[in-house]
Amino acid sequence: MKKYKFISWNVNGIRAVHKKEALKWITEHNIDFLGLQEIKAEAEQIPNDVFDKSHKHAIINPSSNKGQSGVALYTDIEPSYVGTAPEVDILDEGRINEFHFENIAFFNVYFPNGQRSDERLAYKMGFYERFLAHIEKRRSEGKSIIVCGDVNTAHQEIDLARPKANEKTSGFLKIEREWMDKLLMYGYHDTFRHIHGEKKDCYSWWSYRARARENNVGWRIDYFFVSDDLIDKVCDAFIMDDILGSDHCPVGIEVEI
């Protein structure tokens, strides 16, 4: 058995974060898998001076819409399969890294935001359903599942500072939260709640407005989920809210595999 550390972070523009010198902490941690979302860059635009020193494999999935979305995965682990799940990300927005190792299918995902329009909300819900079908297919093939990323939905009232004020806001709509209920019903587990129970005031995203981060008026929309067969192997789950540079902070888990 080996203990693996997984970190997920929506950087909201990797070049901007790099200019703030907000990536240096990465080399100080023994990270086995670093999943980044919303990199907003092509592979050749990413400042690899940080990552080349810390990880052997850089797996970049940029969006077809340049300067938007995009995900990146950094690891030293040798993959048995690498993909982008185009049957889920049907608009080629650079939303998924799929990485297989051992008997595990690991997904680094930037789920769509539904706040722009009704059409984008509908796309988000369709993406959710296609993604669940995809990981269920992998599970039917005998894979254990780990999912990380910006889910763009707070699951329960405890997962945001002002639930009542946001009941009609995409990110806390009933239909979005019901999909997360469904995910758990299918046998996936919210690792942070598994470790910390009903611990309050734990968030991973804060608006840039109204000193929200300073006042901890946030949302927990960044998650790690694991399938039933892995939940007892999760040793720790944590939120790194001391890491600055983005409107999100990193979240992570440690798993014995």
C-alpha atoms as a PDB file:
ATOM      1  CA  MET A   1       0.000   0.000   0.000  1.00  0.00           C
ATOM      2  CA  LYS A   2       1.221   3.494  -0.866  1.00  0.00           C
ATOM      3  CA  LYS A   3      -0.236   6.771   0.317  1.00  0.00           C
ATOM      4  CA  TYR A   4      -0.973   9.119  -2.577  1.00  0.00           C
ATOM      5  CA  LYS A   5      -1.597  12.840  -2.239  1.00  0.00           C
ATOM      6  CA  PHE A   6      -4.044  14.415  -4.704  1.00  0.00           C
ATOM      7  CA  ILE A   7      -4.471  18.196  -5.014  1.00  0.00           C
ATOM      8  CA  SER A   8      -7.133  20.014  -7.058  1.00  0.00           C
ATOM      9  CA  TRP A   9      -7.076  23.758  -7.777  1.00  0.00           C
ATOM     10  CA  ASN A  10      -9.062  26.067 -10.019  1.00  0.00           C
ATOM     11  CA  VAL A  11      -6.341  28.603 -10.791  1.00  0.00           C
ATOM     12  CA  ASN A  12      -8.577  30.977 -12.810  1.00  0.00           C
ATOM     13  CA  GLY A  13      -5.809  31.590 -15.321  1.00  0.00           C
ATOM     14  CA  ILE A  14      -2.510  29.824 -14.827  1.00  0.00           C
ATOM     15  CA  ARG A  15      -0.442  32.600 -16.375  1.00  0.00           C
ATOM     16  CA  ALA A  16      -1.986  35.179 -14.055  1.00  0.00           C
ATOM     17  CA  VAL A  17      -1.329  32.988 -11.029  1.00  0.00           C
ATOM     18  CA  HIS A  18       2.259  32.465 -12.128  1.00  0.00           C
ATOM     19  CA  LYS A  19       2.804  36.239 -12.415  1.00  0.00           C
ATOM     20  CA  LYS A  20       1.651  36.554  -8.808  1.00  0.00           C
ATOM     21  CA  GLU A  21       4.326  33.977  -7.874  1.00  0.00           C
ATOM     22  CA  ALA A  22       1.511  31.911  -6.377  1.00  0.00           C
ATOM     23  CA  LEU A  23       2.708  28.534  -7.660  1.00  0.00           C
ATOM     24  CA  LYS A  24       5.911  28.233  -5.627  1.00  0.00           C
ATOM     25  CA  TRP A  25       4.218  26.295  -2.814  1.00  0.00           C
ATOM     26  CA  ILE A  26       3.709  23.342  -5.163  1.00  0.00           C
ATOM     27  CA  THR A  27       7.367  22.334  -5.092  1.00  0.00           C
ATOM     28  CA  GLU A  28       7.283  22.356  -1.291  1.00  0.00           C
ATOM     29  CA  HIS A  29       4.644  19.618  -1.114  1.00  0.00           C
ATOM     30  CA  ASN A  30       5.008  15.977  -2.047  1.00  0.00           C
ATOM     31  CA  ILE A  31       2.085  15.915  -4.493  1.00  0.00           C
ATOM     32  CA  ASP A  32       1.472  12.747  -6.498  1.00  0.00           C
ATOM     33  CA  PHE A  33      -1.373  14.188  -8.592  1.00  0.00           C
ATOM     34  CA  LEU A  34      -1.936  17.897  -9.186  1.00  0.00           C
ATOM     35  CA  GLY A  35      -5.151  18.655 -11.083  1.00  0.00           C
ATOM     36  CA  LEU A  36      -5.661  22.245 -12.240  1.00  0.00           C
ATOM     37  CA  GLN A  37      -8.817  23.709 -13.716  1.00  0.00           C
ATOM     38  CA  GLU A  38      -9.581  26.862 -15.693  1.00  0.00           C
ATOM     39  CA  ILE A  39      -5.993  27.194 -16.870  1.00  0.00           C
ATOM     40  CA  LYS A  40      -7.058  29.485 -19.768  1.00  0.00           C
ATOM     41  CA  ALA A  41      -3.957  28.586 -21.765  1.00  0.00           C
ATOM     42  CA  GLU A  42      -2.529  26.382 -24.474  1.00  0.00           C
ATOM     43  CA  ALA A  43       0.186  23.884 -23.525  1.00  0.00           C
ATOM     44  CA  GLU A  44       2.985  26.078 -24.897  1.00  0.00           C
ATOM     45  CA  GLN A  45       1.751  29.075 -22.882  1.00  0.00           C
ATOM     46  CA  ILE A  46       1.982  27.345 -19.496  1.00  0.00           C
ATOM     47  CA  PRO A  47       4.917  28.396 -17.283  1.00  0.00           C
ATOM     48  CA  ASN A  48       6.564  25.004 -17.010  1.00  0.00           C
ATOM     49  CA  ASP A  49       9.512  26.273 -15.012  1.00  0.00           C
ATOM     50  CA  VAL A  50       7.569  25.302 -11.880  1.00  0.00           C
ATOM     51  CA  PHE A  51       6.064  22.038 -13.025  1.00  0.00           C
ATOM     52  CA  ASP A  52       9.011  20.573 -14.896  1.00  0.00           C
ATOM     53  CA  LYS A  53      10.909  20.430 -11.613  1.00  0.00           C
ATOM     54  CA  SER A  54       8.150  18.692  -9.700  1.00  0.00           C
ATOM     55  CA  HIS A  55       6.366  16.306 -12.085  1.00  0.00           C
ATOM     56  CA  LYS A  56       7.413  14.110 -14.991  1.00  0.00           C
ATOM     57  CA  HIS A  57       4.087  14.019 -16.853  1.00  0.00           C
ATOM     58  CA  ALA A  58       2.205  17.149 -17.905  1.00  0.00           C
ATOM     59  CA  ILE A  59      -1.168  16.331 -19.456  1.00  0.00           C
ATOM     60  CA  ILE A  60      -2.833  19.434 -20.883  1.00  0.00           C
ATOM     61  CA  ASN A  61      -6.373  19.596 -22.261  1.00  0.00           C
ATOM     62  CA  PRO A  62      -6.978  23.152 -23.504  1.00  0.00           C
ATOM     63  CA  SER A  63     -10.333  24.498 -24.616  1.00  0.00           C
ATOM     64  CA  SER A  64     -11.167  24.934 -28.294  1.00  0.00           C
ATOM     65  CA  ASN A  65     -12.216  28.440 -27.188  1.00  0.00           C
ATOM     66  CA  LYS A  66      -8.813  30.002 -26.612  1.00  0.00           C
ATOM     67  CA  GLY A  67      -8.333  31.780 -23.318  1.00  0.00           C
ATOM     68  CA  GLN A  68     -11.187  29.910 -21.624  1.00  0.00           C
ATOM     69  CA  SER A  69     -11.588  26.802 -19.470  1.00  0.00           C
ATOM     70  CA  GLY A  70      -8.923  24.126 -19.895  1.00  0.00           C
ATOM     71  CA  VAL A  71      -7.522  21.562 -17.454  1.00  0.00           C
ATOM     72  CA  ALA A  72      -4.040  20.275 -16.677  1.00  0.00           C
ATOM     73  CA  LEU A  73      -2.778  17.260 -14.753  1.00  0.00           C
ATOM     74  CA  TYR A  74       0.742  16.841 -13.375  1.00  0.00           C
ATOM     75  CA  THR A  75       2.099  13.575 -11.983  1.00  0.00           C
ATOM     76  CA  ASP A  76       5.096  11.269 -11.837  1.00  0.00           C
ATOM     77  CA  ILE A  77       2.875   8.178 -12.020  1.00  0.00           C
ATOM     78  CA  GLU A  78       2.928   6.191 -15.262  1.00  0.00           C
ATOM     79  CA  PRO A  79      -0.547   6.053 -16.841  1.00  0.00           C
ATOM     80  CA  SER A  80      -2.110   3.017 -18.449  1.00  0.00           C
ATOM     81  CA  TYR A  81      -4.578   5.302 -20.268  1.00  0.00           C
ATOM     82  CA  VAL A  82      -4.985   9.044 -20.785  1.00  0.00           C
ATOM     83  CA  GLY A  83      -8.073  10.646 -22.324  1.00  0.00           C
ATOM     84  CA  THR A  84     -10.365  13.672 -22.469  1.00  0.00           C
ATOM     85  CA  ALA A  85     -13.810  11.970 -22.450  1.00  0.00           C
ATOM     86  CA  PRO A  86     -15.104  13.729 -25.608  1.00  0.00           C
ATOM     87  CA  GLU A  87     -18.454  11.977 -25.245  1.00  0.00           C
ATOM     88  CA  VAL A  88     -18.926  14.061 -22.084  1.00  0.00           C
ATOM     89  CA  ASP A  89     -17.172  17.291 -23.111  1.00  0.00           C
ATOM     90  CA  ILE A  90     -19.077  17.455 -26.393  1.00  0.00           C
ATOM     91  CA  LEU A  91     -18.262  21.139 -27.067  1.00  0.00           C
ATOM     92  CA  ASP A  92     -14.511  20.488 -26.673  1.00  0.00           C
ATOM     93  CA  GLU A  93     -14.149  23.053 -23.900  1.00  0.00           C
ATOM     94  CA  GLY A  94     -11.134  21.371 -22.297  1.00  0.00           C
ATOM     95  CA  ARG A  95     -12.982  20.171 -19.224  1.00  0.00           C
ATOM     96  CA  ILE A  96     -11.636  16.675 -18.446  1.00  0.00           C
ATOM     97  CA  ASN A  97      -8.377  14.856 -17.841  1.00  0.00           C
ATOM     98  CA  GLU A  98      -8.991  11.100 -17.540  1.00  0.00           C
ATOM     99  CA  PHE A  99      -5.995   9.192 -16.179  1.00  0.00           C
ATOM    100  CA  HIS A 100      -5.840   5.461 -15.410  1.00  0.00           C
ATOM    101  CA  PHE A 101      -3.248   3.904 -13.120  1.00  0.00           C
ATOM    102  CA  GLU A 102      -3.249   0.727 -11.060  1.00  0.00           C
ATOM    103  CA  ASN A 103      -6.962  -0.180 -11.157  1.00  0.00           C
ATOM    104  CA  ILE A 104      -8.133   3.413 -10.815  1.00  0.00           C
ATOM    105  CA  ALA A 105      -9.752   5.858 -13.211  1.00  0.00           C
ATOM    106  CA  PHE A 106      -8.901   9.358 -11.989  1.00  0.00           C
ATOM    107  CA  PHE A 107     -10.733  12.400 -13.360  1.00  0.00           C
ATOM    108  CA  ASN A 108      -9.686  16.046 -13.108  1.00  0.00           C
ATOM    109  CA  VAL A 109     -12.765  18.032 -14.162  1.00  0.00           C
ATOM    110  CA  TYR A 110     -13.833  21.633 -14.655  1.00  0.00           C
ATOM    111  CA  PHE A 111     -17.616  21.330 -14.647  1.00  0.00           C
ATOM    112  CA  PRO A 112     -19.582  24.014 -16.534  1.00  0.00           C
ATOM    113  CA  ASN A 113     -20.940  27.138 -14.882  1.00  0.00           C
ATOM    114  CA  GLY A 114     -24.667  27.672 -15.394  1.00  0.00           C
ATOM    115  CA  GLN A 115     -24.982  31.325 -14.429  1.00  0.00           C
ATOM    116  CA  ARG A 116     -24.527  32.888 -17.870  1.00  0.00           C
ATOM    117  CA  SER A 117     -27.834  31.800 -19.394  1.00  0.00           C
ATOM    118  CA  ASP A 118     -30.594  29.187 -19.373  1.00  0.00           C
ATOM    119  CA  GLU A 119     -28.811  27.508 -22.282  1.00  0.00           C
ATOM    120  CA  ARG A 120     -25.603  27.165 -20.287  1.00  0.00           C
ATOM    121  CA  LEU A 121     -27.513  25.831 -17.301  1.00  0.00           C
ATOM    122  CA  ALA A 122     -29.079  23.206 -19.567  1.00  0.00           C
ATOM    123  CA  TYR A 123     -25.621  22.352 -20.915  1.00  0.00           C
ATOM    124  CA  LYS A 124     -24.281  22.049 -17.379  1.00  0.00           C
ATOM    125  CA  MET A 125     -27.031  19.614 -16.407  1.00  0.00           C
ATOM    126  CA  GLY A 126     -26.438  17.562 -19.556  1.00  0.00           C
ATOM    127  CA  PHE A 127     -22.716  17.500 -18.813  1.00  0.00           C
ATOM    128  CA  TYR A 128     -23.465  16.249 -15.303  1.00  0.00           C
ATOM    129  CA  GLU A 129     -25.553  13.371 -16.643  1.00  0.00           C
ATOM    130  CA  ARG A 130     -23.067  12.423 -19.354  1.00  0.00           C
ATOM    131  CA  PHE A 131     -20.241  12.471 -16.827  1.00  0.00           C
ATOM    132  CA  LEU A 132     -22.083  10.204 -14.400  1.00  0.00           C
ATOM    133  CA  ALA A 133     -22.812   7.764 -17.235  1.00  0.00           C
ATOM    134  CA  HIS A 134     -19.131   7.817 -18.209  1.00  0.00           C
ATOM    135  CA  ILE A 135     -17.763   7.062 -14.750  1.00  0.00           C
ATOM    136  CA  GLU A 136     -20.407   4.374 -14.288  1.00  0.00           C
ATOM    137  CA  LYS A 137     -19.146   2.806 -17.523  1.00  0.00           C
ATOM    138  CA  ARG A 138     -15.619   2.833 -16.153  1.00  0.00           C
ATOM    139  CA  ARG A 139     -16.829   1.315 -12.906  1.00  0.00           C
ATOM    140  CA  SER A 140     -18.620  -1.438 -14.849  1.00  0.00           C
ATOM    141  CA  GLU A 141     -15.228  -2.186 -16.438  1.00  0.00           C
ATOM    142  CA  GLY A 142     -13.841  -2.831 -12.954  1.00  0.00           C
ATOM    143  CA  LYS A 143     -12.253   0.528 -12.248  1.00  0.00           C
ATOM    144  CA  SER A 144     -12.248   2.318  -8.909  1.00  0.00           C
ATOM    145  CA  ILE A 145     -13.095   5.987  -9.371  1.00  0.00           C
ATOM    146  CA  ILE A 146     -11.570   9.224  -8.073  1.00  0.00           C
ATOM    147  CA  VAL A 147     -13.025  12.547  -9.249  1.00  0.00           C
ATOM    148  CA  CYS A 148     -11.672  15.982  -8.418  1.00  0.00           C
ATOM    149  CA  GLY A 149     -12.402  19.459  -9.595  1.00  0.00           C
ATOM    150  CA  ASP A 150     -14.552  22.552  -9.598  1.00  0.00           C
ATOM    151  CA  VAL A 151     -18.095  21.147  -9.627  1.00  0.00           C
ATOM    152  CA  ASN A 152     -19.598  24.663  -9.734  1.00  0.00           C
ATOM    153  CA  THR A 153     -22.320  23.631  -7.258  1.00  0.00           C
ATOM    154  CA  ALA A 154     -22.471  23.791  -3.476  1.00  0.00           C
ATOM    155  CA  HIS A 155     -24.188  20.618  -2.340  1.00  0.00           C
ATOM    156  CA  GLN A 156     -25.884  21.509   0.942  1.00  0.00           C
ATOM    157  CA  GLU A 157     -26.727  24.637   2.933  1.00  0.00           C
ATOM    158  CA  ILE A 158     -23.656  24.026   5.078  1.00  0.00           C
ATOM    159  CA  ASP A 159     -21.518  24.360   1.940  1.00  0.00           C
ATOM    160  CA  LEU A 160     -22.038  28.094   1.437  1.00  0.00           C
ATOM    161  CA  ALA A 161     -22.188  31.078   3.729  1.00  0.00           C
ATOM    162  CA  ARG A 162     -25.510  32.481   2.501  1.00  0.00           C
ATOM    163  CA  PRO A 163     -27.747  29.637   1.309  1.00  0.00           C
ATOM    164  CA  LYS A 164     -31.083  31.444   1.514  1.00  0.00           C
ATOM    165  CA  ALA A 165     -29.848  34.361  -0.570  1.00  0.00           C
ATOM    166  CA  ASN A 166     -28.634  31.996  -3.310  1.00  0.00           C
ATOM    167  CA  GLU A 167     -31.527  29.543  -3.686  1.00  0.00           C
ATOM    168  CA  LYS A 168     -32.302  30.953  -7.150  1.00  0.00           C
ATOM    169  CA  THR A 169     -28.677  31.273  -8.233  1.00  0.00           C
ATOM    170  CA  SER A 170     -27.045  28.680 -10.471  1.00  0.00           C
ATOM    171  CA  GLY A 171     -24.569  26.884  -8.264  1.00  0.00           C
ATOM    172  CA  PHE A 172     -27.171  26.296  -5.586  1.00  0.00           C
ATOM    173  CA  LEU A 173     -30.305  25.510  -7.575  1.00  0.00           C
ATOM    174  CA  LYS A 174     -32.439  22.563  -6.546  1.00  0.00           C
ATOM    175  CA  ILE A 175     -31.795  20.698  -9.813  1.00  0.00           C
ATOM    176  CA  GLU A 176     -28.033  21.088  -9.451  1.00  0.00           C
ATOM    177  CA  ARG A 177     -28.022  19.932  -5.851  1.00  0.00           C
ATOM    178  CA  GLU A 178     -30.268  16.992  -6.742  1.00  0.00           C
ATOM    179  CA  TRP A 179     -27.666  15.790  -9.227  1.00  0.00           C
ATOM    180  CA  MET A 180     -25.106  15.759  -6.432  1.00  0.00           C
ATOM    181  CA  ASP A 181     -27.591  13.776  -4.341  1.00  0.00           C
ATOM    182  CA  LYS A 182     -27.819  11.365  -7.264  1.00  0.00           C
ATOM    183  CA  LEU A 183     -24.032  11.072  -7.499  1.00  0.00           C
ATOM    184  CA  LEU A 184     -23.874  10.036  -3.855  1.00  0.00           C
ATOM    185  CA  MET A 185     -26.823   7.680  -4.290  1.00  0.00           C
ATOM    186  CA  TYR A 186     -24.844   5.907  -7.047  1.00  0.00           C
ATOM    187  CA  GLY A 187     -22.141   5.088  -4.507  1.00  0.00           C
ATOM    188  CA  TYR A 188     -19.737   8.010  -4.650  1.00  0.00           C
ATOM    189  CA  HIS A 189     -18.592   9.836  -1.532  1.00  0.00           C
ATOM    190  CA  ASP A 190     -17.796  13.453  -0.729  1.00  0.00           C
ATOM    191  CA  THR A 191     -14.415  12.877   0.908  1.00  0.00           C
ATOM    192  CA  PHE A 192     -14.365  16.140   2.855  1.00  0.00           C
ATOM    193  CA  ARG A 193     -17.672  15.373   4.562  1.00  0.00           C
ATOM    194  CA  HIS A 194     -16.555  11.773   5.143  1.00  0.00           C
ATOM    195  CA  ILE A 195     -13.552  13.020   7.117  1.00  0.00           C
ATOM    196  CA  HIS A 196     -14.952  16.184   8.699  1.00  0.00           C
ATOM    197  CA  GLY A 197     -18.680  15.523   9.056  1.00  0.00           C
ATOM    198  CA  GLU A 198     -20.786  18.671   9.439  1.00  0.00           C
ATOM    199  CA  LYS A 199     -17.865  21.013  10.034  1.00  0.00           C
ATOM    200  CA  LYS A 200     -18.978  24.556   9.186  1.00  0.00           C
ATOM    201  CA  ASP A 201     -17.432  27.592   7.490  1.00  0.00           C
ATOM    202  CA  CYS A 202     -15.270  25.476   5.169  1.00  0.00           C
ATOM    203  CA  TYR A 203     -15.185  26.989   1.686  1.00  0.00           C
ATOM    204  CA  SER A 204     -13.045  26.801  -1.455  1.00  0.00           C
ATOM    205  CA  TRP A 205     -14.308  29.779  -3.508  1.00  0.00           C
ATOM    206  CA  TRP A 206     -14.918  33.403  -2.634  1.00  0.00           C
ATOM    207  CA  SER A 207     -16.127  36.253  -4.821  1.00  0.00           C
ATOM    208  CA  TYR A 208     -13.601  38.968  -5.540  1.00  0.00           C
ATOM    209  CA  ARG A 209     -16.270  41.452  -4.458  1.00  0.00           C
ATOM    210  CA  ALA A 210     -17.072  42.904  -1.025  1.00  0.00           C
ATOM    211  CA  ARG A 211     -13.994  41.428   0.718  1.00  0.00           C
ATOM    212  CA  ALA A 212     -15.687  38.035   0.607  1.00  0.00           C
ATOM    213  CA  ARG A 213     -12.557  36.015   1.284  1.00  0.00           C
ATOM    214  CA  GLU A 214     -11.435  38.231   4.127  1.00  0.00           C
ATOM    215  CA  ASN A 215     -14.879  37.760   5.714  1.00  0.00           C
ATOM    216  CA  ASN A 216     -15.089  34.070   4.708  1.00  0.00           C
ATOM    217  CA  VAL A 217     -18.327  34.570   2.769  1.00  0.00           C
ATOM    218  CA  GLY A 218     -17.655  31.622   0.507  1.00  0.00           C
ATOM    219  CA  TRP A 219     -18.859  28.499  -1.221  1.00  0.00           C
ATOM    220  CA  ARG A 220     -17.494  24.940  -1.159  1.00  0.00           C
ATOM    221  CA  ILE A 221     -17.709  24.057  -4.833  1.00  0.00           C
ATOM    222  CA  ASP A 222     -14.397  22.170  -5.237  1.00  0.00           C
ATOM    223  CA  TYR A 223     -14.621  18.481  -4.375  1.00  0.00           C
ATOM    224  CA  PHE A 224     -13.006  15.074  -4.312  1.00  0.00           C
ATOM    225  CA  PHE A 225     -15.367  12.144  -4.775  1.00  0.00           C
ATOM    226  CA  VAL A 226     -14.369   8.483  -4.580  1.00  0.00           C
ATOM    227  CA  SER A 227     -16.274   5.296  -5.316  1.00  0.00           C
ATOM    228  CA  ASP A 228     -17.547   3.006  -2.546  1.00  0.00           C
ATOM    229  CA  ASP A 229     -14.565   0.681  -2.709  1.00  0.00           C
ATOM    230  CA  LEU A 230     -12.085   3.491  -1.962  1.00  0.00           C
ATOM    231  CA  ILE A 231     -13.809   5.462   0.767  1.00  0.00           C
ATOM    232  CA  ASP A 232     -12.273   3.458   3.618  1.00  0.00           C
ATOM    233  CA  LYS A 233      -8.840   4.102   2.096  1.00  0.00           C
ATOM    234  CA  VAL A 234      -9.166   7.885   2.301  1.00  0.00           C
ATOM    235  CA  CYS A 235      -6.810   8.939   5.116  1.00  0.00           C
ATOM    236  CA  ASP A 236      -7.373  12.680   4.940  1.00  0.00           C
ATOM    237  CA  ALA A 237      -9.319  15.383   3.111  1.00  0.00           C
ATOM    238  CA  PHE A 238      -8.465  19.050   3.421  1.00  0.00           C
ATOM    239  CA  ILE A 239      -8.977  22.591   2.163  1.00  0.00           C
ATOM    240  CA  MET A 240      -5.834  24.716   1.715  1.00  0.00           C
ATOM    241  CA  ASP A 241      -7.436  28.102   2.304  1.00  0.00           C
ATOM    242  CA  ASP A 242      -4.105  29.718   3.120  1.00  0.00           C
ATOM    243  CA  ILE A 243      -3.030  29.412  -0.540  1.00  0.00           C
ATOM    244  CA  LEU A 244      -3.739  32.642  -2.415  1.00  0.00           C
ATOM    245  CA  GLY A 245      -3.548  33.639  -6.073  1.00  0.00           C
ATOM    246  CA  SER A 246      -6.992  32.625  -7.328  1.00  0.00           C
ATOM    247  CA  ASP A 247     -10.587  33.130  -6.234  1.00  0.00           C
ATOM    248  CA  HIS A 248     -10.484  29.386  -5.433  1.00  0.00           C
ATOM    249  CA  CYS A 249      -8.102  27.672  -3.046  1.00  0.00           C
ATOM    250  CA  PRO A 250      -6.689  24.160  -3.484  1.00  0.00           C
ATOM    251  CA  VAL A 251      -8.400  21.123  -1.952  1.00  0.00           C
ATOM    252  CA  GLY A 252      -6.902  17.690  -1.486  1.00  0.00           C
ATOM    253  CA  ILE A 253      -7.053  14.130  -0.252  1.00  0.00           C
ATOM    254  CA  GLU A 254      -4.642  11.412   0.802  1.00  0.00           C
ATOM    255  CA  VAL A 255      -5.539   7.853  -0.182  1.00  0.00           C
ATOM    256  CA  GLU A 256      -3.862   4.540   0.531  1.00  0.00           C
ATOM    257  CA  ILE A 257      -3.813   2.455  -2.654  1.00  0.00           C
END
